[in-house]
C-alpha atoms as a PDB file:
ATOM      1  CA  UNK A   1     -12.956-144.084 135.954  1.00  0.00           C
ATOM      2  CA  UNK A   2     -15.996-145.203 133.982  1.00  0.00           C
ATOM      3  CA  UNK A   3     -18.169-142.600 132.263  1.00  0.00           C
ATOM      4  CA  UNK A   4     -21.788-142.403 133.462  1.00  0.00           C
ATOM      5  CA  UNK A   5     -22.977-141.775 129.916  1.00  0.00           C
ATOM      6  CA  UNK A   6     -21.793-141.478 126.328  1.00  0.00           C
ATOM      7  CA  UNK A   7     -22.496-138.222 124.485  1.00  0.00           C
ATOM      8  CA  UNK A   8     -23.599-138.313 120.865  1.00  0.00           C
ATOM      9  CA  UNK A   9     -23.484-135.084 118.855  1.00  0.00           C
ATOM     10  CA  UNK A  10     -26.214-134.395 116.341  1.00  0.00           C
ATOM     11  CA  UNK A  11     -25.184-132.635 113.133  1.00  0.00           C
ATOM     12  CA  UNK A  12     -26.154-129.170 114.390  1.00  0.00           C
ATOM     13  CA  UNK A  13     -23.823-129.525 117.391  1.00  0.00           C
ATOM     14  CA  UNK A  14     -21.000-130.596 115.109  1.00  0.00           C
ATOM     15  CA  UNK A  15     -21.566-127.507 112.961  1.00  0.00           C
ATOM     16  CA  UNK A  16     -21.715-125.291 116.063  1.00  0.00           C
ATOM     17  CA  UNK A  17     -18.455-126.717 117.417  1.00  0.00           C
ATOM     18  CA  UNK A  18     -16.711-126.414 114.059  1.00  0.00           C
ATOM     19  CA  UNK A  19     -17.682-122.723 113.913  1.00  0.00           C
ATOM     20  CA  UNK A  20     -15.709-122.028 117.112  1.00  0.00           C
ATOM     21  CA  UNK A  21     -11.992-121.430 117.393  1.00  0.00           C
ATOM     22  CA  UNK A  22      -9.890-124.457 118.317  1.00  0.00           C
ATOM     23  CA  UNK A  23      -9.258-123.556 121.978  1.00  0.00           C
ATOM     24  CA  UNK A  24     -12.948-122.837 122.640  1.00  0.00           C
ATOM     25  CA  UNK A  25     -14.008-126.062 120.932  1.00  0.00           C
ATOM     26  CA  UNK A  26     -11.464-128.043 122.968  1.00  0.00           C
ATOM     27  CA  UNK A  27     -12.721-126.472 126.214  1.00  0.00           C
ATOM     28  CA  UNK A  28     -16.339-127.366 125.435  1.00  0.00           C
ATOM     29  CA  UNK A  29     -15.455-130.955 124.560  1.00  0.00           C
ATOM     30  CA  UNK A  30     -13.261-131.234 127.662  1.00  0.00           C
ATOM     31  CA  UNK A  31     -16.176-130.079 129.862  1.00  0.00           C
ATOM     32  CA  UNK A  32     -18.596-132.485 128.177  1.00  0.00           C
ATOM     33  CA  UNK A  33     -16.190-135.371 128.788  1.00  0.00           C
ATOM     34  CA  UNK A  34     -15.670-134.225 132.382  1.00  0.00           C
ATOM     35  CA  UNK A  35     -19.455-134.066 132.968  1.00  0.00           C
ATOM     36  CA  UNK A  36     -19.729-137.717 131.881  1.00  0.00           C
ATOM     37  CA  UNK A  37     -17.295-138.703 134.637  1.00  0.00           C
ATOM     38  CA  UNK A  38     -18.430-136.474 137.521  1.00  0.00           C
ATOM     39  CA  UNK A  39     -21.817-135.177 138.593  1.00  0.00           C
ATOM     40  CA  UNK A  40     -21.422-131.406 138.481  1.00  0.00           C
ATOM     41  CA  UNK A  41     -24.325-128.961 138.053  1.00  0.00           C
ATOM     42  CA  UNK A  42     -21.882-126.325 136.879  1.00  0.00           C
ATOM     43  CA  UNK A  43     -21.122-128.447 133.808  1.00  0.00           C
ATOM     44  CA  UNK A  44     -24.323-130.391 133.075  1.00  0.00           C
ATOM     45  CA  UNK A  45     -27.657-129.262 134.422  1.00  0.00           C
ATOM     46  CA  UNK A  46     -31.338-130.015 133.992  1.00  0.00           C
ATOM     47  CA  UNK A  47     -33.017-127.086 132.301  1.00  0.00           C
ATOM     48  CA  UNK A  48     -36.705-127.873 131.882  1.00  0.00           C
ATOM     49  CA  UNK A  49     -38.741-131.039 131.479  1.00  0.00           C
ATOM     50  CA  UNK A  50     -36.525-133.586 129.742  1.00  0.00           C
ATOM     51  CA  UNK A  51     -34.043-131.008 128.444  1.00  0.00           C
ATOM     52  CA  UNK A  52     -30.583-130.636 129.962  1.00  0.00           C
ATOM     53  CA  UNK A  53     -27.612-128.574 128.927  1.00  0.00           C
ATOM     54  CA  UNK A  54     -23.849-128.566 129.075  1.00  0.00           C
ATOM     55  CA  UNK A  55     -22.531-125.265 130.420  1.00  0.00           C
ATOM     56  CA  UNK A  56     -19.161-123.713 129.728  1.00  0.00           C
ATOM     57  CA  UNK A  57     -17.814-120.278 130.583  1.00  0.00           C
ATOM     58  CA  UNK A  58     -14.719-119.548 128.533  1.00  0.00           C
ATOM     59  CA  UNK A  59     -13.095-116.193 127.740  1.00  0.00           C
ATOM     60  CA  UNK A  60     -16.052-114.330 129.257  1.00  0.00           C
ATOM     61  CA  UNK A  61     -18.546-116.063 126.947  1.00  0.00           C
ATOM     62  CA  UNK A  62     -21.249-118.473 128.071  1.00  0.00           C
ATOM     63  CA  UNK A  63     -21.698-121.530 125.836  1.00  0.00           C
ATOM     64  CA  UNK A  64     -24.659-123.879 126.077  1.00  0.00           C
ATOM     65  CA  UNK A  65     -25.134-127.205 124.348  1.00  0.00           C
ATOM     66  CA  UNK A  66     -28.638-128.585 124.746  1.00  0.00           C
ATOM     67  CA  UNK A  67     -29.203-132.300 125.287  1.00  0.00           C
ATOM     68  CA  UNK A  68     -31.524-135.051 126.468  1.00  0.00           C
ATOM     69  CA  UNK A  69     -31.121-138.563 127.864  1.00  0.00           C
ATOM     70  CA  UNK A  70     -31.691-141.814 125.977  1.00  0.00           C
ATOM     71  CA  UNK A  71     -31.811-144.693 128.445  1.00  0.00           C
ATOM     72  CA  UNK A  72     -33.519-147.141 126.088  1.00  0.00           C
ATOM     73  CA  UNK A  73     -30.411-149.213 125.331  1.00  0.00           C
ATOM     74  CA  UNK A  74     -29.743-152.057 127.764  1.00  0.00           C
ATOM     75  CA  UNK A  75     -25.942-151.754 127.628  1.00  0.00           C
ATOM     76  CA  UNK A  76     -25.310-148.000 127.807  1.00  0.00           C
ATOM     77  CA  UNK A  77     -26.820-144.643 128.614  1.00  0.00           C
ATOM     78  CA  UNK A  78     -26.658-141.953 125.969  1.00  0.00           C
ATOM     79  CA  UNK A  79     -26.910-138.193 126.157  1.00  0.00           C
ATOM     80  CA  UNK A  80     -27.925-136.770 122.797  1.00  0.00           C
ATOM     81  CA  UNK A  81     -26.574-133.247 122.229  1.00  0.00           C
ATOM     82  CA  UNK A  82     -28.966-131.361 119.936  1.00  0.00           C
ATOM     83  CA  UNK A  83     -27.548-127.893 119.292  1.00  0.00           C
ATOM     84  CA  UNK A  84     -25.438-125.141 120.825  1.00  0.00           C
ATOM     85  CA  UNK A  85     -25.581-121.398 121.410  1.00  0.00           C
ATOM     86  CA  UNK A  86     -23.456-118.614 122.755  1.00  0.00           C
ATOM     87  CA  UNK A  87     -25.601-117.215 125.549  1.00  0.00           C
ATOM     88  CA  UNK A  88     -25.866-113.445 125.629  1.00  0.00           C
ATOM     89  CA  UNK A  89     -28.277-112.880 128.523  1.00  0.00           C
ATOM     90  CA  UNK A  90     -29.002-114.360 131.941  1.00  0.00           C
ATOM     91  CA  UNK A  91     -31.983-116.360 130.700  1.00  0.00           C
ATOM     92  CA  UNK A  92     -31.893-119.219 128.243  1.00  0.00           C
ATOM     93  CA  UNK A  93     -34.154-118.298 125.310  1.00  0.00           C
ATOM     94  CA  UNK A  94     -37.429-120.245 125.434  1.00  0.00           C
ATOM     95  CA  UNK A  95     -37.217-120.972 121.694  1.00  0.00           C
ATOM     96  CA  UNK A  96     -33.946-122.862 122.260  1.00  0.00           C
ATOM     97  CA  UNK A  97     -35.592-125.052 124.897  1.00  0.00           C
ATOM     98  CA  UNK A  98     -38.528-125.681 122.553  1.00  0.00           C
ATOM     99  CA  UNK A  99     -36.148-126.522 119.707  1.00  0.00           C
ATOM    100  CA  UNK A 100     -34.345-129.106 121.860  1.00  0.00           C
ATOM    101  CA  UNK A 101     -37.676-130.606 122.943  1.00  0.00           C
ATOM    102  CA  UNK A 102     -38.872-130.878 119.333  1.00  0.00           C
ATOM    103  CA  UNK A 103     -35.614-132.612 118.346  1.00  0.00           C
ATOM    104  CA  UNK A 104     -36.042-134.975 121.329  1.00  0.00           C
ATOM    105  CA  UNK A 105     -39.559-135.906 120.255  1.00  0.00           C
ATOM    106  CA  UNK A 106     -38.446-136.526 116.663  1.00  0.00           C
ATOM    107  CA  UNK A 107     -35.495-138.610 117.870  1.00  0.00           C
ATOM    108  CA  UNK A 108     -37.678-140.949 119.911  1.00  0.00           C
ATOM    109  CA  UNK A 109     -40.287-141.170 117.166  1.00  0.00           C
ATOM    110  CA  UNK A 110     -37.586-142.447 114.779  1.00  0.00           C
ATOM    111  CA  UNK A 111     -35.694-144.576 117.322  1.00  0.00           C
ATOM    112  CA  UNK A 112     -38.513-146.592 118.842  1.00  0.00           C
END
């Protein structure tokens, strides 16, 4: 089965993933890969504006990796993962959404 998009991890996501234990990190990466193959709002969901996030519940903890789409390349669609958090409340903190949006704006400023 062909993936609908390719996910690129920015440095902050790499640092976030490396801070997690191996099994948790593997679960997050598995879910990200799965989301690229199947449309599933439980795994990859639009949050606000142009910001999306990968969602994983593992060992009673909620993990979120923020992302946005880059459809500017003619040959492939990219999802750029900006940063990750362990979610502690029902709501996603507004500052995390704003951070992802700022990274998105900087990304397109550099990549245009």
